[in-house]
Amino acid sequence: MSITTTSNNKPKLRLWVLSWGLFPRRVTIYLEEKGISKDFEVIPVHIGADGKMNSPPGKPNGTLPLLEISPPSSDEATPGRYVYQSIAILEYIEEVYAGRGPSMLGATPEERAQSRDLVAVLDEAVTFLTCYSHHASGIYTPLVVQSPDTARFALDRAHKMLSQLEKMSCWDGPYLVRSKQPMIVDCVAMATVQFYANVYGVDLASEKHPRLAKMYRAFRGRESAKWDAVAVPQGMVEVAKRMSVK
């Protein structure tokens, strides 16, 4: 197994991502904002025209994103160690790279507590948005028995969670905790807004959520937030945007 290294000749941590995926985007946006993306070997995974994921050689089983924190031994007698959940990945990297770049979780106990609080609320909103998309999007019609009532309920609950997020956020500047600088929670929020707009055609940064819209307008022009439209299977998106409940 070949190992790429950083400028300090340290092995790069391998990170498998779906470049346009909701949860991988949390991590890739964060790495750019932290200024450490070059310290990672980011390995793209693609979805083919048949809708199946084409995993590159060497990718372990698991969802995306997937971070390797220690590689398997050369004889594969000792397995590698991996982190599978996006928030766990973000907090692991933030701790390991504590001396590099801006503090993205928070410089004080108060900032860190507020950041984690807001991320938890965002994750609850995403849970409801996932339920909504499963019951409203054309992409899931062949896969699940869809319920318009469930879709409406889930979308309503998602909006309520996002409204709660706004009430808990700092209103001084564009970003949700530290007014002038994006933090982990802003990366998570940006990934969420972008994904649902570009994949499902659902605008979460509308007039219904002015605080989220304020963050989105400030963030969308940053290099880290560039959306790779080419990587997204367009046929899939056309079907995904056929929402029976809006």
C-alpha atoms as a PDB file:
ATOM      1  CA  MET A   1       0.000   0.000   0.000  1.00  0.00           C
ATOM      2  CA  SER A   2       1.492   3.365  -1.037  1.00  0.00           C
ATOM      3  CA  ILE A   3       1.300   6.161   1.521  1.00  0.00           C
ATOM      4  CA  THR A   4       1.205   9.850   0.628  1.00  0.00           C
ATOM      5  CA  THR A   5       2.862  12.296   3.001  1.00  0.00           C
ATOM      6  CA  THR A   6       2.485  15.908   4.086  1.00  0.00           C
ATOM      7  CA  SER A   7       5.117  18.598   3.594  1.00  0.00           C
ATOM      8  CA  ASN A   8       6.503  17.524   6.991  1.00  0.00           C
ATOM      9  CA  ASN A   9       6.915  13.993   5.617  1.00  0.00           C
ATOM     10  CA  LYS A  10       4.145  12.687   7.876  1.00  0.00           C
ATOM     11  CA  PRO A  11       1.668  10.181   6.435  1.00  0.00           C
ATOM     12  CA  LYS A  12      -1.514  11.855   5.278  1.00  0.00           C
ATOM     13  CA  LEU A  13      -4.743  10.738   6.880  1.00  0.00           C
ATOM     14  CA  ARG A  14      -6.983   9.141   4.285  1.00  0.00           C
ATOM     15  CA  LEU A  15     -10.526  10.474   3.982  1.00  0.00           C
ATOM     16  CA  TRP A  16     -13.118   8.898   1.689  1.00  0.00           C
ATOM     17  CA  VAL A  17     -15.919  11.215   0.575  1.00  0.00           C
ATOM     18  CA  LEU A  18     -18.807  11.626  -1.814  1.00  0.00           C
ATOM     19  CA  SER A  19     -17.921  15.165  -2.895  1.00  0.00           C
ATOM     20  CA  TRP A  20     -21.518  16.422  -3.017  1.00  0.00           C
ATOM     21  CA  GLY A  21     -22.905  14.323  -0.169  1.00  0.00           C
ATOM     22  CA  LEU A  22     -24.476  16.048   2.831  1.00  0.00           C
ATOM     23  CA  PHE A  23     -22.281  14.540   5.547  1.00  0.00           C
ATOM     24  CA  PRO A  24     -18.982  14.475   3.592  1.00  0.00           C
ATOM     25  CA  ARG A  25     -19.509  18.160   2.718  1.00  0.00           C
ATOM     26  CA  ARG A  26     -19.465  19.001   6.405  1.00  0.00           C
ATOM     27  CA  VAL A  27     -15.915  17.686   6.587  1.00  0.00           C
ATOM     28  CA  THR A  28     -14.520  19.007   3.296  1.00  0.00           C
ATOM     29  CA  ILE A  29     -15.850  22.530   3.948  1.00  0.00           C
ATOM     30  CA  TYR A  30     -14.321  22.402   7.429  1.00  0.00           C
ATOM     31  CA  LEU A  31     -10.894  21.258   6.155  1.00  0.00           C
ATOM     32  CA  GLU A  32     -10.714  24.221   3.767  1.00  0.00           C
ATOM     33  CA  GLU A  33     -11.797  26.687   6.444  1.00  0.00           C
ATOM     34  CA  LYS A  34      -9.293  25.235   8.892  1.00  0.00           C
ATOM     35  CA  GLY A  35      -6.561  25.490   6.251  1.00  0.00           C
ATOM     36  CA  ILE A  36      -5.459  21.870   6.570  1.00  0.00           C
ATOM     37  CA  SER A  37      -6.984  20.172   3.514  1.00  0.00           C
ATOM     38  CA  LYS A  38      -3.521  19.468   2.066  1.00  0.00           C
ATOM     39  CA  ASP A  39      -2.706  17.342   5.117  1.00  0.00           C
ATOM     40  CA  PHE A  40      -5.320  14.795   4.014  1.00  0.00           C
ATOM     41  CA  GLU A  41      -5.538  12.364   1.162  1.00  0.00           C
ATOM     42  CA  VAL A  42      -9.129  12.978   0.125  1.00  0.00           C
ATOM     43  CA  ILE A  43     -10.349  10.006  -1.916  1.00  0.00           C
ATOM     44  CA  PRO A  44     -13.517  10.606  -3.949  1.00  0.00           C
ATOM     45  CA  VAL A  45     -16.205   7.969  -4.224  1.00  0.00           C
ATOM     46  CA  HIS A  46     -18.643   8.235  -7.141  1.00  0.00           C
ATOM     47  CA  ILE A  47     -22.186   7.137  -7.906  1.00  0.00           C
ATOM     48  CA  GLY A  48     -22.549   5.588 -11.339  1.00  0.00           C
ATOM     49  CA  ALA A  49     -25.348   5.988 -13.859  1.00  0.00           C
ATOM     50  CA  ASP A  50     -26.922   2.849 -12.383  1.00  0.00           C
ATOM     51  CA  GLY A  51     -27.190   4.568  -8.988  1.00  0.00           C
ATOM     52  CA  LYS A  52     -24.604   2.297  -7.395  1.00  0.00           C
ATOM     53  CA  MET A  53     -21.606   3.548  -5.471  1.00  0.00           C
ATOM     54  CA  ASN A  54     -18.283   2.867  -7.167  1.00  0.00           C
ATOM     55  CA  SER A  55     -15.849   2.407  -4.314  1.00  0.00           C
ATOM     56  CA  PRO A  56     -12.137   2.857  -5.080  1.00  0.00           C
ATOM     57  CA  PRO A  57      -9.741   0.020  -4.242  1.00  0.00           C
ATOM     58  CA  GLY A  58      -8.758  -0.042  -0.593  1.00  0.00           C
ATOM     59  CA  LYS A  59     -11.863   1.645   0.750  1.00  0.00           C
ATOM     60  CA  PRO A  60     -13.095  -0.112   3.917  1.00  0.00           C
ATOM     61  CA  ASN A  61     -16.750  -0.973   4.297  1.00  0.00           C
ATOM     62  CA  GLY A  62     -18.774   1.865   5.748  1.00  0.00           C
ATOM     63  CA  THR A  63     -20.728   5.004   5.043  1.00  0.00           C
ATOM     64  CA  LEU A  64     -19.260   8.320   3.954  1.00  0.00           C
ATOM     65  CA  PRO A  65     -17.372  10.286   5.125  1.00  0.00           C
ATOM     66  CA  LEU A  66     -14.888   7.772   6.444  1.00  0.00           C
ATOM     67  CA  LEU A  67     -11.617   8.819   8.094  1.00  0.00           C
ATOM     68  CA  GLU A  68      -8.690   6.465   8.586  1.00  0.00           C
ATOM     69  CA  ILE A  69      -6.892   7.371  11.807  1.00  0.00           C
ATOM     70  CA  SER A  70      -4.380   4.528  11.589  1.00  0.00           C
ATOM     71  CA  PRO A  71      -3.732   2.388   8.484  1.00  0.00           C
ATOM     72  CA  PRO A  72      -3.677  -1.394   8.443  1.00  0.00           C
ATOM     73  CA  SER A  73      -0.282  -3.019   8.728  1.00  0.00           C
ATOM     74  CA  SER A  74       1.509  -3.811   5.476  1.00  0.00           C
ATOM     75  CA  ASP A  75       0.752  -7.511   5.919  1.00  0.00           C
ATOM     76  CA  GLU A  76      -2.856  -6.615   6.893  1.00  0.00           C
ATOM     77  CA  ALA A  77      -2.480  -8.642  10.094  1.00  0.00           C
ATOM     78  CA  THR A  78      -3.458  -5.543  12.073  1.00  0.00           C
ATOM     79  CA  PRO A  79      -6.594  -3.830  10.779  1.00  0.00           C
ATOM     80  CA  GLY A  80      -6.841  -0.090  10.329  1.00  0.00           C
ATOM     81  CA  ARG A  81      -8.828   2.155  12.658  1.00  0.00           C
ATOM     82  CA  TYR A  82     -11.564   4.396  11.311  1.00  0.00           C
ATOM     83  CA  VAL A  83     -14.064   7.087  12.305  1.00  0.00           C
ATOM     84  CA  TYR A  84     -17.405   6.954  10.492  1.00  0.00           C
ATOM     85  CA  GLN A  85     -19.610   9.770  11.814  1.00  0.00           C
ATOM     86  CA  SER A  86     -19.115  13.291  10.458  1.00  0.00           C
ATOM     87  CA  ILE A  87     -19.328  15.123  13.784  1.00  0.00           C
ATOM     88  CA  ALA A  88     -16.926  12.663  15.437  1.00  0.00           C
ATOM     89  CA  ILE A  89     -14.546  13.193  12.498  1.00  0.00           C
ATOM     90  CA  LEU A  90     -14.765  16.982  12.852  1.00  0.00           C
ATOM     91  CA  GLU A  91     -14.106  16.948  16.583  1.00  0.00           C
ATOM     92  CA  TYR A  92     -11.254  14.434  16.204  1.00  0.00           C
ATOM     93  CA  ILE A  93      -9.517  16.579  13.575  1.00  0.00           C
ATOM     94  CA  GLU A  94     -10.128  19.757  15.579  1.00  0.00           C
ATOM     95  CA  GLU A  95      -8.440  18.172  18.595  1.00  0.00           C
ATOM     96  CA  VAL A  96      -5.508  16.729  16.650  1.00  0.00           C
ATOM     97  CA  TYR A  97      -4.956  20.031  14.809  1.00  0.00           C
ATOM     98  CA  ALA A  98      -5.600  22.268  17.819  1.00  0.00           C
ATOM     99  CA  GLY A  99      -2.465  24.301  17.116  1.00  0.00           C
ATOM    100  CA  ARG A 100      -3.244  24.864  13.437  1.00  0.00           C
ATOM    101  CA  GLY A 101      -5.560  27.410  11.890  1.00  0.00           C
ATOM    102  CA  PRO A 102      -8.511  29.050  13.623  1.00  0.00           C
ATOM    103  CA  SER A 103     -10.330  27.425  16.505  1.00  0.00           C
ATOM    104  CA  MET A 104     -13.370  25.941  14.784  1.00  0.00           C
ATOM    105  CA  LEU A 105     -15.179  24.450  17.784  1.00  0.00           C
ATOM    106  CA  GLY A 106     -14.684  27.388  20.114  1.00  0.00           C
ATOM    107  CA  ALA A 107     -11.949  29.189  22.021  1.00  0.00           C
ATOM    108  CA  THR A 108     -13.826  29.218  25.321  1.00  0.00           C
ATOM    109  CA  PRO A 109     -15.995  26.692  27.189  1.00  0.00           C
ATOM    110  CA  GLU A 110     -19.004  28.895  26.394  1.00  0.00           C
ATOM    111  CA  GLU A 111     -18.295  28.910  22.646  1.00  0.00           C
ATOM    112  CA  ARG A 112     -17.708  25.164  22.602  1.00  0.00           C
ATOM    113  CA  ALA A 113     -20.935  24.495  24.504  1.00  0.00           C
ATOM    114  CA  GLN A 114     -22.941  26.733  22.187  1.00  0.00           C
ATOM    115  CA  SER A 115     -21.349  25.170  19.097  1.00  0.00           C
ATOM    116  CA  ARG A 116     -22.204  21.642  20.227  1.00  0.00           C
ATOM    117  CA  ASP A 117     -25.706  22.763  21.180  1.00  0.00           C
ATOM    118  CA  LEU A 118     -26.368  24.222  17.723  1.00  0.00           C
ATOM    119  CA  VAL A 119     -24.882  21.215  15.920  1.00  0.00           C
ATOM    120  CA  ALA A 120     -27.203  18.929  17.917  1.00  0.00           C
ATOM    121  CA  VAL A 121     -30.210  21.020  16.841  1.00  0.00           C
ATOM    122  CA  LEU A 122     -29.036  20.929  13.221  1.00  0.00           C
ATOM    123  CA  ASP A 123     -28.686  17.163  13.384  1.00  0.00           C
ATOM    124  CA  GLU A 124     -32.266  16.895  14.656  1.00  0.00           C
ATOM    125  CA  ALA A 125     -33.422  19.071  11.756  1.00  0.00           C
ATOM    126  CA  VAL A 126     -31.517  16.850   9.314  1.00  0.00           C
ATOM    127  CA  THR A 127     -33.199  13.760  10.769  1.00  0.00           C
ATOM    128  CA  PHE A 128     -36.601  15.270   9.966  1.00  0.00           C
ATOM    129  CA  LEU A 129     -35.431  16.477   6.545  1.00  0.00           C
ATOM    130  CA  THR A 130     -34.261  12.951   5.742  1.00  0.00           C
ATOM    131  CA  CYS A 131     -37.664  11.581   6.704  1.00  0.00           C
ATOM    132  CA  TYR A 132     -39.317  14.297   4.585  1.00  0.00           C
ATOM    133  CA  SER A 133     -37.230  13.507   1.506  1.00  0.00           C
ATOM    134  CA  HIS A 134     -37.870   9.778   1.864  1.00  0.00           C
ATOM    135  CA  HIS A 135     -41.624  10.384   1.848  1.00  0.00           C
ATOM    136  CA  ALA A 136     -41.763  13.197  -0.743  1.00  0.00           C
ATOM    137  CA  SER A 137     -38.951  12.798  -3.292  1.00  0.00           C
ATOM    138  CA  GLY A 138     -39.367  10.901  -6.542  1.00  0.00           C
ATOM    139  CA  ILE A 139     -35.984   9.271  -6.023  1.00  0.00           C
ATOM    140  CA  TYR A 140     -37.456   7.196  -3.177  1.00  0.00           C
ATOM    141  CA  THR A 141     -40.791   6.346  -4.785  1.00  0.00           C
ATOM    142  CA  PRO A 142     -39.607   2.879  -5.924  1.00  0.00           C
ATOM    143  CA  LEU A 143     -37.954   2.171  -2.566  1.00  0.00           C
ATOM    144  CA  VAL A 144     -40.454   3.063   0.176  1.00  0.00           C
ATOM    145  CA  VAL A 145     -44.203   3.341   0.672  1.00  0.00           C
ATOM    146  CA  GLN A 146     -44.457   7.113   0.793  1.00  0.00           C
ATOM    147  CA  SER A 147     -46.864   9.002   3.024  1.00  0.00           C
ATOM    148  CA  PRO A 148     -47.683  12.659   2.202  1.00  0.00           C
ATOM    149  CA  ASP A 149     -48.876  13.158   5.788  1.00  0.00           C
ATOM    150  CA  THR A 150     -45.549  11.913   7.122  1.00  0.00           C
ATOM    151  CA  ALA A 151     -43.704  14.161   4.661  1.00  0.00           C
ATOM    152  CA  ARG A 152     -45.686  17.219   5.775  1.00  0.00           C
ATOM    153  CA  PHE A 153     -45.162  16.410   9.448  1.00  0.00           C
ATOM    154  CA  ALA A 154     -41.412  15.879   9.006  1.00  0.00           C
ATOM    155  CA  LEU A 155     -40.972  19.094   6.990  1.00  0.00           C
ATOM    156  CA  ASP A 156     -42.898  21.087   9.591  1.00  0.00           C
ATOM    157  CA  ARG A 157     -40.755  19.644  12.389  1.00  0.00           C
ATOM    158  CA  ALA A 158     -37.570  20.409  10.434  1.00  0.00           C
ATOM    159  CA  HIS A 159     -38.606  24.051  10.032  1.00  0.00           C
ATOM    160  CA  LYS A 160     -39.365  24.256  13.755  1.00  0.00           C
ATOM    161  CA  MET A 161     -35.907  22.919  14.607  1.00  0.00           C
ATOM    162  CA  LEU A 162     -34.282  25.441  12.244  1.00  0.00           C
ATOM    163  CA  SER A 163     -36.293  28.248  13.857  1.00  0.00           C
ATOM    164  CA  GLN A 164     -35.032  27.043  17.236  1.00  0.00           C
ATOM    165  CA  LEU A 165     -31.488  27.111  15.855  1.00  0.00           C
ATOM    166  CA  GLU A 166     -31.957  30.727  14.834  1.00  0.00           C
ATOM    167  CA  LYS A 167     -33.204  31.740  18.288  1.00  0.00           C
ATOM    168  CA  MET A 168     -30.118  30.152  19.856  1.00  0.00           C
ATOM    169  CA  SER A 169     -27.633  31.766  17.444  1.00  0.00           C
ATOM    170  CA  CYS A 170     -25.615  34.959  17.695  1.00  0.00           C
ATOM    171  CA  TRP A 171     -27.275  37.716  15.632  1.00  0.00           C
ATOM    172  CA  ASP A 172     -24.382  40.209  15.621  1.00  0.00           C
ATOM    173  CA  GLY A 173     -22.703  39.008  12.439  1.00  0.00           C
ATOM    174  CA  PRO A 174     -23.262  36.558   9.638  1.00  0.00           C
ATOM    175  CA  TYR A 175     -21.985  33.443  11.403  1.00  0.00           C
ATOM    176  CA  LEU A 176     -23.910  31.528  14.011  1.00  0.00           C
ATOM    177  CA  VAL A 177     -21.577  31.592  17.053  1.00  0.00           C
ATOM    178  CA  ARG A 178     -18.546  33.757  16.354  1.00  0.00           C
ATOM    179  CA  SER A 179     -19.912  36.621  14.300  1.00  0.00           C
ATOM    180  CA  LYS A 180     -17.040  37.181  11.853  1.00  0.00           C
ATOM    181  CA  GLN A 181     -15.583  33.680  11.427  1.00  0.00           C
ATOM    182  CA  PRO A 182     -17.140  30.375  10.373  1.00  0.00           C
ATOM    183  CA  MET A 183     -16.943  27.546  12.877  1.00  0.00           C
ATOM    184  CA  ILE A 184     -17.859  23.860  12.752  1.00  0.00           C
ATOM    185  CA  VAL A 185     -21.551  24.648  13.194  1.00  0.00           C
ATOM    186  CA  ASP A 186     -21.450  27.019  10.205  1.00  0.00           C
ATOM    187  CA  CYS A 187     -19.797  24.319   8.069  1.00  0.00           C
ATOM    188  CA  VAL A 188     -22.558  21.890   9.083  1.00  0.00           C
ATOM    189  CA  ALA A 189     -25.274  24.463   8.386  1.00  0.00           C
ATOM    190  CA  MET A 190     -23.777  25.436   5.013  1.00  0.00           C
ATOM    191  CA  ALA A 191     -23.530  21.802   3.912  1.00  0.00           C
ATOM    192  CA  THR A 192     -27.164  21.274   4.905  1.00  0.00           C
ATOM    193  CA  VAL A 193     -28.536  24.319   3.070  1.00  0.00           C
ATOM    194  CA  GLN A 194     -26.498  23.594  -0.081  1.00  0.00           C
ATOM    195  CA  PHE A 195     -27.377  19.920  -0.211  1.00  0.00           C
ATOM    196  CA  TYR A 196     -31.127  20.334   0.115  1.00  0.00           C
ATOM    197  CA  ALA A 197     -31.184  23.232  -2.371  1.00  0.00           C
ATOM    198  CA  ASN A 198     -29.060  21.545  -5.027  1.00  0.00           C
ATOM    199  CA  VAL A 199     -30.252  17.950  -4.699  1.00  0.00           C
ATOM    200  CA  TYR A 200     -33.919  18.298  -3.673  1.00  0.00           C
ATOM    201  CA  GLY A 201     -34.707  21.889  -4.658  1.00  0.00           C
ATOM    202  CA  VAL A 202     -35.682  22.722  -1.064  1.00  0.00           C
ATOM    203  CA  ASP A 203     -34.730  26.263  -0.004  1.00  0.00           C
ATOM    204  CA  LEU A 204     -33.893  26.310   3.709  1.00  0.00           C
ATOM    205  CA  ALA A 205     -32.330  29.785   3.490  1.00  0.00           C
ATOM    206  CA  SER A 206     -35.610  31.426   2.525  1.00  0.00           C
ATOM    207  CA  GLU A 207     -37.438  34.306   4.208  1.00  0.00           C
ATOM    208  CA  LYS A 208     -38.807  31.718   6.644  1.00  0.00           C
ATOM    209  CA  HIS A 209     -35.311  31.457   8.147  1.00  0.00           C
ATOM    210  CA  PRO A 210     -33.676  34.918   7.963  1.00  0.00           C
ATOM    211  CA  ARG A 211     -30.811  34.067  10.341  1.00  0.00           C
ATOM    212  CA  LEU A 212     -29.878  30.977   8.332  1.00  0.00           C
ATOM    213  CA  ALA A 213     -30.182  33.020   5.132  1.00  0.00           C
ATOM    214  CA  LYS A 214     -27.805  35.618   6.560  1.00  0.00           C
ATOM    215  CA  MET A 215     -25.188  32.939   7.267  1.00  0.00           C
ATOM    216  CA  TYR A 216     -25.694  31.360   3.841  1.00  0.00           C
ATOM    217  CA  ARG A 217     -25.237  34.651   1.950  1.00  0.00           C
ATOM    218  CA  ALA A 218     -21.953  35.297   3.777  1.00  0.00           C
ATOM    219  CA  PHE A 219     -20.648  31.748   3.329  1.00  0.00           C
ATOM    220  CA  ARG A 220     -21.616  30.890  -0.238  1.00  0.00           C
ATOM    221  CA  GLY A 221     -18.882  33.029  -1.826  1.00  0.00           C
ATOM    222  CA  ARG A 222     -16.073  31.382   0.128  1.00  0.00           C
ATOM    223  CA  GLU A 223     -13.724  29.005  -1.667  1.00  0.00           C
ATOM    224  CA  SER A 224     -14.616  26.200   0.748  1.00  0.00           C
ATOM    225  CA  ALA A 225     -18.287  26.346  -0.231  1.00  0.00           C
ATOM    226  CA  LYS A 226     -17.907  25.843  -3.987  1.00  0.00           C
ATOM    227  CA  TRP A 227     -20.454  23.280  -5.168  1.00  0.00           C
ATOM    228  CA  ASP A 228     -19.210  20.594  -7.574  1.00  0.00           C
ATOM    229  CA  ALA A 229     -22.293  20.347  -9.794  1.00  0.00           C
ATOM    230  CA  VAL A 230     -20.454  18.207 -12.339  1.00  0.00           C
ATOM    231  CA  ALA A 231     -19.978  15.401  -9.807  1.00  0.00           C
ATOM    232  CA  VAL A 232     -23.707  15.093  -9.119  1.00  0.00           C
ATOM    233  CA  PRO A 233     -25.557  12.615 -11.370  1.00  0.00           C
ATOM    234  CA  GLN A 234     -27.966  14.995 -13.130  1.00  0.00           C
ATOM    235  CA  GLY A 235     -30.498  12.313 -13.985  1.00  0.00           C
ATOM    236  CA  MET A 236     -30.720  11.457 -10.312  1.00  0.00           C
ATOM    237  CA  VAL A 237     -31.191  15.098  -9.301  1.00  0.00           C
ATOM    238  CA  GLU A 238     -33.994  15.612 -11.813  1.00  0.00           C
ATOM    239  CA  VAL A 239     -35.908  12.775 -10.197  1.00  0.00           C
ATOM    240  CA  ALA A 240     -34.952  13.795  -6.641  1.00  0.00           C
ATOM    241  CA  LYS A 241     -36.394  17.282  -7.162  1.00  0.00           C
ATOM    242  CA  ARG A 242     -39.841  15.879  -7.954  1.00  0.00           C
ATOM    243  CA  MET A 243     -41.188  16.568  -4.466  1.00  0.00           C
ATOM    244  CA  SER A 244     -44.813  15.565  -3.862  1.00  0.00           C
ATOM    245  CA  VAL A 245     -44.987  17.803  -0.759  1.00  0.00           C
ATOM    246  CA  LYS A 246     -43.455  21.301  -0.593  1.00  0.00           C
END
